[in-house]
Amino acid sequence: QLQSRLAKFPFQNFGLRRTQTFSYQIRDKHYLLHYQYVSDVLDKRPAYRPGHLDLIKDFHREGKLVMGGAYAEPVDGAVIVFSCDSEKEVEEFVSKDPYHENGLVTEYSIREWTVVPL
């Protein structure tokens, strides 16, 4: 069951205006992707950041990715929220992510997330 929702999120890091309104699909299943980064991620990520952000934008446009971002100090990991039909779609994201492909991600986990309907 899909429901359209309008939401405001601070997506300035994805090339969108801060608190830009956008529409996305709410699905019955949500997933949290947790990344652990290498200790020198801030030094290594500039070469791979454009591809990483392009992938985020692609999944967001498809209505599969809701929001995400790196942890603040220390920048040692990230969380990305997906609204998609299966864990396989999150695995697809990881397999295409330049951060993962190039060793910036030391480990990751995917958890199904129960969301309270509002």
C-alpha atoms as a PDB file:
ATOM      1  CA  GLN A   1       0.000   0.000   0.000  1.00  0.00           C
ATOM      2  CA  LEU A   2       1.503   3.333  -1.087  1.00  0.00           C
ATOM      3  CA  GLN A   3       0.592   6.744   0.232  1.00  0.00           C
ATOM      4  CA  SER A   4       1.853  10.043  -1.157  1.00  0.00           C
ATOM      5  CA  ARG A   5       3.215  12.401   1.440  1.00  0.00           C
ATOM      6  CA  LEU A   6       4.699  15.867   1.363  1.00  0.00           C
ATOM      7  CA  ALA A   7       7.601  16.387   3.677  1.00  0.00           C
ATOM      8  CA  LYS A   8      10.244  18.935   4.565  1.00  0.00           C
ATOM      9  CA  PHE A   9      13.755  17.728   5.287  1.00  0.00           C
ATOM     10  CA  PRO A  10      17.143  19.488   5.392  1.00  0.00           C
ATOM     11  CA  PHE A  11      18.650  18.067   2.197  1.00  0.00           C
ATOM     12  CA  GLN A  12      21.229  20.782   1.500  1.00  0.00           C
ATOM     13  CA  ASN A  13      23.936  18.119   1.264  1.00  0.00           C
ATOM     14  CA  PHE A  14      22.081  16.444  -1.608  1.00  0.00           C
ATOM     15  CA  GLY A  15      22.098  19.599  -3.740  1.00  0.00           C
ATOM     16  CA  LEU A  16      18.585  20.588  -2.723  1.00  0.00           C
ATOM     17  CA  ARG A  17      17.588  23.794  -0.980  1.00  0.00           C
ATOM     18  CA  ARG A  18      17.320  23.603   2.775  1.00  0.00           C
ATOM     19  CA  THR A  19      13.822  22.468   3.752  1.00  0.00           C
ATOM     20  CA  GLN A  20      12.812  22.055   0.121  1.00  0.00           C
ATOM     21  CA  THR A  21       9.374  20.451  -0.146  1.00  0.00           C
ATOM     22  CA  PHE A  22       9.227  17.246  -2.129  1.00  0.00           C
ATOM     23  CA  SER A  23       6.900  14.335  -2.583  1.00  0.00           C
ATOM     24  CA  TYR A  24       7.872  10.741  -1.851  1.00  0.00           C
ATOM     25  CA  GLN A  25       6.095   7.444  -1.535  1.00  0.00           C
ATOM     26  CA  ILE A  26       5.463   5.910   1.878  1.00  0.00           C
ATOM     27  CA  ARG A  27       5.573   2.139   1.607  1.00  0.00           C
ATOM     28  CA  ASP A  28       4.684  -0.460   4.190  1.00  0.00           C
ATOM     29  CA  LYS A  29       8.384  -1.218   4.746  1.00  0.00           C
ATOM     30  CA  HIS A  30      11.195   1.055   5.845  1.00  0.00           C
ATOM     31  CA  TYR A  31      14.852   0.202   6.258  1.00  0.00           C
ATOM     32  CA  LEU A  32      17.788   1.865   8.000  1.00  0.00           C
ATOM     33  CA  LEU A  33      21.193   1.490   6.406  1.00  0.00           C
ATOM     34  CA  HIS A  34      24.019   2.029   8.904  1.00  0.00           C
ATOM     35  CA  TYR A  35      27.527   2.639   7.573  1.00  0.00           C
ATOM     36  CA  GLN A  36      30.774   2.539   9.563  1.00  0.00           C
ATOM     37  CA  TYR A  37      33.532   4.587   7.905  1.00  0.00           C
ATOM     38  CA  VAL A  38      37.306   4.311   7.873  1.00  0.00           C
ATOM     39  CA  SER A  39      39.006   6.647  10.358  1.00  0.00           C
ATOM     40  CA  ASP A  40      40.293   8.986   7.617  1.00  0.00           C
ATOM     41  CA  VAL A  41      37.019   9.200   5.660  1.00  0.00           C
ATOM     42  CA  LEU A  42      37.157  13.004   5.512  1.00  0.00           C
ATOM     43  CA  ASP A  43      40.470  12.785   3.641  1.00  0.00           C
ATOM     44  CA  LYS A  44      39.366  10.004   1.280  1.00  0.00           C
ATOM     45  CA  ARG A  45      35.758  10.865   0.440  1.00  0.00           C
ATOM     46  CA  PRO A  46      36.202  13.929  -1.847  1.00  0.00           C
ATOM     47  CA  ALA A  47      37.134  11.713  -4.817  1.00  0.00           C
ATOM     48  CA  TYR A  48      34.001   9.578  -4.398  1.00  0.00           C
ATOM     49  CA  ARG A  49      31.491  12.080  -3.006  1.00  0.00           C
ATOM     50  CA  PRO A  50      29.986  13.211  -6.354  1.00  0.00           C
ATOM     51  CA  GLY A  51      29.171   9.607  -7.332  1.00  0.00           C
ATOM     52  CA  HIS A  52      27.837   8.854  -3.859  1.00  0.00           C
ATOM     53  CA  LEU A  53      25.539  11.894  -3.936  1.00  0.00           C
ATOM     54  CA  ASP A  54      24.386  11.088  -7.489  1.00  0.00           C
ATOM     55  CA  LEU A  55      23.374   7.613  -6.317  1.00  0.00           C
ATOM     56  CA  ILE A  56      21.500   9.122  -3.366  1.00  0.00           C
ATOM     57  CA  LYS A  57      19.681  11.503  -5.701  1.00  0.00           C
ATOM     58  CA  ASP A  58      18.770   8.646  -8.077  1.00  0.00           C
ATOM     59  CA  PHE A  59      17.256   6.524  -5.300  1.00  0.00           C
ATOM     60  CA  HIS A  60      15.513   9.599  -3.906  1.00  0.00           C
ATOM     61  CA  ARG A  61      13.972  10.444  -7.301  1.00  0.00           C
ATOM     62  CA  GLU A  62      12.735   6.853  -7.534  1.00  0.00           C
ATOM     63  CA  GLY A  63      11.000   7.327  -4.166  1.00  0.00           C
ATOM     64  CA  LYS A  64      13.141   4.687  -2.427  1.00  0.00           C
ATOM     65  CA  LEU A  65      15.385   6.895  -0.296  1.00  0.00           C
ATOM     66  CA  VAL A  66      13.838   9.295   2.205  1.00  0.00           C
ATOM     67  CA  MET A  67      16.822  10.945   3.893  1.00  0.00           C
ATOM     68  CA  GLY A  68      20.299  10.290   5.149  1.00  0.00           C
ATOM     69  CA  GLY A  69      23.543  11.745   6.306  1.00  0.00           C
ATOM     70  CA  ALA A  70      26.807  11.266   8.124  1.00  0.00           C
ATOM     71  CA  TYR A  71      27.130  11.415  11.881  1.00  0.00           C
ATOM     72  CA  ALA A  72      28.439  14.674  13.280  1.00  0.00           C
ATOM     73  CA  GLU A  73      31.681  14.806  15.257  1.00  0.00           C
ATOM     74  CA  PRO A  74      33.163  12.325  14.940  1.00  0.00           C
ATOM     75  CA  VAL A  75      32.317  11.578  11.307  1.00  0.00           C
ATOM     76  CA  ASP A  76      32.658   7.831  11.700  1.00  0.00           C
ATOM     77  CA  GLY A  77      29.510   6.591   9.993  1.00  0.00           C
ATOM     78  CA  ALA A  78      26.154   7.425   8.473  1.00  0.00           C
ATOM     79  CA  VAL A  79      22.495   6.447   8.432  1.00  0.00           C
ATOM     80  CA  ILE A  80      20.287   6.379   5.342  1.00  0.00           C
ATOM     81  CA  VAL A  81      16.510   5.860   5.552  1.00  0.00           C
ATOM     82  CA  PHE A  82      14.811   3.896   2.786  1.00  0.00           C
ATOM     83  CA  SER A  83      11.125   3.450   2.025  1.00  0.00           C
ATOM     84  CA  CYS A  84      11.118   0.519  -0.368  1.00  0.00           C
ATOM     85  CA  ASP A  85       9.573  -2.873  -0.946  1.00  0.00           C
ATOM     86  CA  SER A  86      12.467  -5.092   0.128  1.00  0.00           C
ATOM     87  CA  GLU A  87      15.902  -5.226   1.686  1.00  0.00           C
ATOM     88  CA  LYS A  88      17.246  -6.183  -1.761  1.00  0.00           C
ATOM     89  CA  GLU A  89      16.753  -2.571  -2.907  1.00  0.00           C
ATOM     90  CA  VAL A  90      18.940  -1.355  -0.036  1.00  0.00           C
ATOM     91  CA  GLU A  91      21.545  -4.018  -0.908  1.00  0.00           C
ATOM     92  CA  GLU A  92      21.433  -2.725  -4.507  1.00  0.00           C
ATOM     93  CA  PHE A  93      22.214   0.778  -3.222  1.00  0.00           C
ATOM     94  CA  VAL A  94      25.188  -0.507  -1.201  1.00  0.00           C
ATOM     95  CA  SER A  95      26.535  -2.515  -4.147  1.00  0.00           C
ATOM     96  CA  LYS A  96      26.525   0.615  -6.345  1.00  0.00           C
ATOM     97  CA  ASP A  97      27.785   3.086  -3.735  1.00  0.00           C
ATOM     98  CA  PRO A  98      31.287   4.428  -4.505  1.00  0.00           C
ATOM     99  CA  TYR A  99      31.941   4.753  -0.762  1.00  0.00           C
ATOM    100  CA  HIS A 100      31.427   1.005  -0.361  1.00  0.00           C
ATOM    101  CA  GLU A 101      33.137   0.048  -3.632  1.00  0.00           C
ATOM    102  CA  ASN A 102      36.269   2.012  -2.708  1.00  0.00           C
ATOM    103  CA  GLY A 103      36.702   0.906   0.885  1.00  0.00           C
ATOM    104  CA  LEU A 104      35.414   3.960   2.763  1.00  0.00           C
ATOM    105  CA  VAL A 105      32.760   1.766   4.400  1.00  0.00           C
ATOM    106  CA  THR A 106      34.326  -0.771   6.769  1.00  0.00           C
ATOM    107  CA  GLU A 107      31.017  -2.419   7.605  1.00  0.00           C
ATOM    108  CA  TYR A 108      27.315  -1.867   7.140  1.00  0.00           C
ATOM    109  CA  SER A 109      24.041  -3.213   8.450  1.00  0.00           C
ATOM    110  CA  ILE A 110      20.474  -3.044   7.223  1.00  0.00           C
ATOM    111  CA  ARG A 111      17.550  -3.135   9.631  1.00  0.00           C
ATOM    112  CA  GLU A 112      13.854  -3.128   8.863  1.00  0.00           C
ATOM    113  CA  TRP A 113      12.301  -0.192  10.734  1.00  0.00           C
ATOM    114  CA  THR A 114       8.752   0.011  12.043  1.00  0.00           C
ATOM    115  CA  VAL A 115       7.449   3.544  11.496  1.00  0.00           C
ATOM    116  CA  VAL A 116       4.561   5.017  13.443  1.00  0.00           C
ATOM    117  CA  PRO A 117       1.922   6.274  10.967  1.00  0.00           C
ATOM    118  CA  LEU A 118       1.230   9.978  11.400  1.00  0.00           C
END
